[in-house]
């Protein structure tokens, strides 16, 4: 059974699923814009291709990444940071499409965080076996703004914990079009993605694409 068929047969969950105070899962929120989102991503990666970055510890990430917007998140042996310039090309990151900004603002508003104006969009490509270890998003200067995370393509298991790495984590299955928003008391919650399972998505094949919107500066 393909991932698409499984998702078509599964019982639809509620449109809004609270994960914790300040954290909300919006089921299928991005589905109406799927074609435009995928087309925009393809345009962005022509200018700023995916790459597997190196962590300060010298490890290559299993997730391939790129960025769009005024600032992009990068990592290398010198540390984690936001930079206005793509270190591989020396050029500024591609502009963030208006659709991206509108979707992020609408999702944040739906989750109770009106007026979200992201200046960075991390674009992550997961292939089977890729994962994201538990971490906090704390490289942003202003943590008063929420994080908005959009899932496209293959399903993934999203891990969402507390303010300490040792806190118990919840496991949530995210499918194509789901959006997670967290801010306020949940802004520094530890979160991650379990190793991506094999599958085939009708639009994105053996890939999961994640758009993560942030206010970096």
Protein backbone atom coordinates (compact mmCIF):
# COMPACT_ATOMS: atom_id res chain seq x y z
CA UNK A 1 0.00 0.00 0.00
CA UNK A 2 1.46 3.38 -0.95
CA UNK A 3 1.68 6.23 1.51
CA UNK A 4 -0.86 8.18 -0.55
CA UNK A 5 -3.40 5.37 -0.46
CA UNK A 6 -2.88 4.89 3.28
CA UNK A 7 -3.50 8.58 3.89
CA UNK A 8 -6.62 8.49 1.72
CA UNK A 9 -8.03 5.59 3.73
CA UNK A 10 -7.12 6.82 7.23
CA UNK A 11 -9.85 8.44 9.25
CA UNK A 12 -9.47 12.22 9.12
CA UNK A 13 -8.50 13.76 12.42
CA UNK A 14 -9.83 17.04 13.75
CA UNK A 15 -8.73 20.10 11.82
CA UNK A 16 -7.04 21.56 14.91
CA UNK A 17 -5.20 19.29 17.36
CA UNK A 18 -3.64 20.95 20.43
CA UNK A 19 -0.24 19.41 21.22
CA UNK A 20 0.58 21.49 24.31
CA UNK A 21 -0.12 25.01 25.58
CA UNK A 22 1.10 27.18 22.70
CA UNK A 23 1.39 24.32 20.19
CA UNK A 24 -1.16 23.33 17.56
CA UNK A 25 -1.33 20.78 14.72
CA UNK A 26 -3.45 21.99 11.79
CA UNK A 27 -4.46 18.96 9.74
CA UNK A 28 -4.37 19.46 5.96
CA UNK A 29 -3.97 23.21 6.30
CA UNK A 30 -1.56 23.53 3.35
CA UNK A 31 -3.30 21.08 1.00
CA UNK A 32 -5.18 23.75 -1.00
CA UNK A 33 -1.83 25.34 -1.95
CA UNK A 34 0.11 22.13 -2.63
CA UNK A 35 0.72 22.65 -6.37
CA UNK A 36 1.86 26.25 -5.97
CA UNK A 37 4.07 25.39 -2.99
CA UNK A 38 5.84 22.58 -4.84
CA UNK A 39 6.34 24.73 -7.94
CA UNK A 40 7.84 27.49 -5.80
CA UNK A 41 10.19 25.05 -4.08
CA UNK A 42 11.44 23.78 -7.46
CA UNK A 43 12.19 27.36 -8.51
CA UNK A 44 14.06 28.06 -5.27
CA UNK A 45 16.28 24.97 -5.45
CA UNK A 46 17.34 25.86 -8.99
CA UNK A 47 19.07 28.91 -7.49
CA UNK A 48 20.01 27.47 -4.10
CA UNK A 49 20.27 23.67 -4.39
CA UNK A 50 19.78 21.30 -1.48
CA UNK A 51 22.93 20.41 0.40
CA UNK A 52 23.77 18.29 3.46
CA UNK A 53 25.38 20.69 5.89
CA UNK A 54 28.10 19.93 8.43
CA UNK A 55 27.43 20.40 12.15
CA UNK A 56 29.94 22.14 14.45
CA UNK A 57 30.93 18.65 15.62
CA UNK A 58 31.94 17.68 12.08
CA UNK A 59 28.96 15.41 11.32
CA UNK A 60 27.08 15.59 8.03
CA UNK A 61 23.34 16.00 8.50
CA UNK A 62 21.13 13.27 7.03
CA UNK A 63 18.61 15.94 6.00
CA UNK A 64 19.44 18.05 2.93
CA UNK A 65 18.66 21.75 3.32
CA UNK A 66 18.36 25.10 1.62
CA UNK A 67 16.68 28.42 2.45
CA UNK A 68 14.71 31.33 1.08
CA UNK A 69 14.00 34.77 2.45
CA UNK A 70 16.20 37.58 3.79
CA UNK A 71 18.03 35.14 6.09
CA UNK A 72 18.97 31.48 5.87
CA UNK A 73 19.97 29.06 8.61
CA UNK A 74 23.38 27.50 8.13
CA UNK A 75 25.73 25.25 10.05
CA UNK A 76 29.39 24.41 9.69
CA UNK A 77 32.36 23.83 11.98
CA UNK A 78 32.15 27.44 13.19
CA UNK A 79 28.62 27.00 14.55
CA UNK A 80 24.90 27.46 13.91
CA UNK A 81 23.73 30.86 12.67
CA UNK A 82 21.56 32.86 10.29
CA UNK A 83 23.23 34.48 7.27
CA UNK A 84 21.86 36.65 4.48
CA UNK A 85 24.24 34.97 2.01
CA UNK A 86 24.33 31.39 0.74
CA UNK A 87 27.84 30.21 1.73
CA UNK A 88 28.05 27.93 -1.31
CA UNK A 89 27.24 30.53 -3.97
CA UNK A 90 28.11 33.79 -2.24
CA UNK A 91 24.74 35.15 -3.38
CA UNK A 92 21.77 36.19 -1.30
CA UNK A 93 19.20 33.50 -0.66
CA UNK A 94 16.23 33.42 -3.09
CA UNK A 95 13.36 35.70 -2.11
CA UNK A 96 10.57 34.17 -0.06
CA UNK A 97 7.50 33.75 -2.30
CA UNK A 98 4.45 35.77 -1.20
CA UNK A 99 2.48 32.51 -0.95
CA UNK A 100 4.94 31.23 1.67
CA UNK A 101 4.53 34.37 3.79
CA UNK A 102 0.75 34.27 3.48
CA UNK A 103 0.51 30.60 4.43
CA UNK A 104 2.81 31.04 7.43
CA UNK A 105 0.84 34.05 8.67
CA UNK A 106 -2.53 32.32 8.21
CA UNK A 107 -1.35 29.19 10.04
CA UNK A 108 0.14 31.22 12.89
CA UNK A 109 -3.07 33.22 13.21
CA UNK A 110 -5.14 30.03 13.26
CA UNK A 111 -2.98 28.79 16.14
CA UNK A 112 -3.35 32.03 18.09
CA UNK A 113 -0.27 33.99 16.96
CA UNK A 114 -1.53 36.81 14.76
CA UNK A 115 0.83 39.09 12.87
CA UNK A 116 3.60 36.56 12.18
CA UNK A 117 6.04 37.95 9.59
CA UNK A 118 8.78 35.37 8.91
CA UNK A 119 12.11 36.49 7.51
CA UNK A 120 13.56 32.99 7.09
CA UNK A 121 12.22 29.78 5.57
CA UNK A 122 14.27 26.62 6.01
CA UNK A 123 13.52 24.04 3.33
CA UNK A 124 14.42 20.51 4.42
CA UNK A 125 14.45 17.43 2.21
CA UNK A 126 14.03 14.09 3.94
CA UNK A 127 14.61 10.83 2.09
CA UNK A 128 14.01 7.38 3.63
CA UNK A 129 16.25 6.98 6.67
CA UNK A 130 16.82 10.72 7.19
CA UNK A 131 15.96 12.13 10.61
CA UNK A 132 16.22 15.22 12.77
CA UNK A 133 17.46 14.73 16.32
CA UNK A 134 15.69 16.38 19.24
CA UNK A 135 16.64 20.04 19.41
CA UNK A 136 15.39 23.51 20.34
CA UNK A 137 15.05 26.38 17.85
CA UNK A 138 16.95 29.04 19.74
CA UNK A 139 19.24 30.67 17.17
CA UNK A 140 16.66 33.42 16.55
CA UNK A 141 17.16 36.80 18.22
CA UNK A 142 13.47 37.14 19.09
CA UNK A 143 11.86 33.99 20.42
CA UNK A 144 8.58 35.84 20.87
CA UNK A 145 7.57 34.82 17.34
CA UNK A 146 6.27 31.28 16.76
CA UNK A 147 7.65 28.53 14.54
CA UNK A 148 5.48 27.37 11.62
CA UNK A 149 6.33 23.99 10.08
CA UNK A 150 4.69 22.72 6.86
CA UNK A 151 4.85 19.05 5.81
CA UNK A 152 4.73 17.97 2.16
CA UNK A 153 5.25 14.54 0.63
CA UNK A 154 5.88 11.34 2.58
CA UNK A 155 4.42 10.94 6.08
CA UNK A 156 6.74 11.50 9.02
CA UNK A 157 6.71 10.88 12.76
CA UNK A 158 7.08 14.23 14.52
CA UNK A 159 8.53 14.13 18.02
CA UNK A 160 7.40 16.90 20.34
CA UNK A 161 8.68 17.17 23.88
CA UNK A 162 9.05 19.68 26.68
CA UNK A 163 11.51 22.36 27.68
CA UNK A 164 14.09 19.78 28.79
CA UNK A 165 15.67 17.19 26.52
CA UNK A 166 14.78 14.50 29.04
CA UNK A 167 11.05 15.36 29.02
CA UNK A 168 8.73 12.74 27.57
CA UNK A 169 8.08 13.19 23.84
CA UNK A 170 4.78 12.83 22.02
CA UNK A 171 4.75 11.11 18.62
CA UNK A 172 2.50 12.56 15.92
CA UNK A 173 2.11 11.26 12.38
CA UNK A 174 2.34 14.18 9.97
CA UNK A 175 1.03 13.76 6.43
CA UNK A 176 1.07 15.85 3.28
CA UNK A 177 -0.39 19.30 3.97
CA UNK A 178 -0.23 19.20 7.77
CA UNK A 179 1.11 22.29 9.55
CA UNK A 180 2.46 22.50 13.10
CA UNK A 181 2.73 25.83 14.93
CA UNK A 182 4.38 26.35 18.30
CA UNK A 183 5.15 29.48 20.27
CA UNK A 184 4.54 31.15 23.61
CA UNK A 185 5.13 28.64 26.43
CA UNK A 186 6.01 25.96 23.85
CA UNK A 187 8.43 28.08 21.80
CA UNK A 188 11.55 26.35 23.14
CA UNK A 189 10.09 22.85 23.24
CA UNK A 190 12.44 20.10 22.11
CA UNK A 191 11.30 18.51 18.86
CA UNK A 192 12.57 16.30 16.06
CA UNK A 193 11.66 13.83 13.33
CA UNK A 194 12.06 10.04 13.55
CA UNK A 195 13.86 8.27 10.66
CA UNK A 196 11.67 8.59 7.57
CA UNK A 197 10.06 5.33 6.47
CA UNK A 198 10.16 4.05 2.91
CA UNK A 199 7.26 5.13 0.72
CA UNK A 200 6.18 6.78 -2.50
CA UNK A 201 4.21 10.00 -2.64
CA UNK A 202 2.18 10.86 -5.73
CA UNK A 203 3.61 14.39 -6.01
CA UNK A 204 7.05 14.16 -4.40
CA UNK A 205 8.09 10.53 -4.81
CA UNK A 206 10.45 9.20 -2.13
CA UNK A 207 10.74 12.56 -0.41
CA UNK A 208 9.35 14.60 2.41
CA UNK A 209 9.78 18.36 2.10
CA UNK A 210 9.45 20.47 5.23
CA UNK A 211 9.11 24.25 5.20
CA UNK A 212 10.01 25.83 8.54
CA UNK A 213 9.20 29.51 8.93
CA UNK A 214 10.95 31.61 11.56
CA UNK A 215 11.56 35.20 12.60
CA UNK A 216 15.36 35.23 12.68
CA UNK A 217 16.07 38.94 13.28
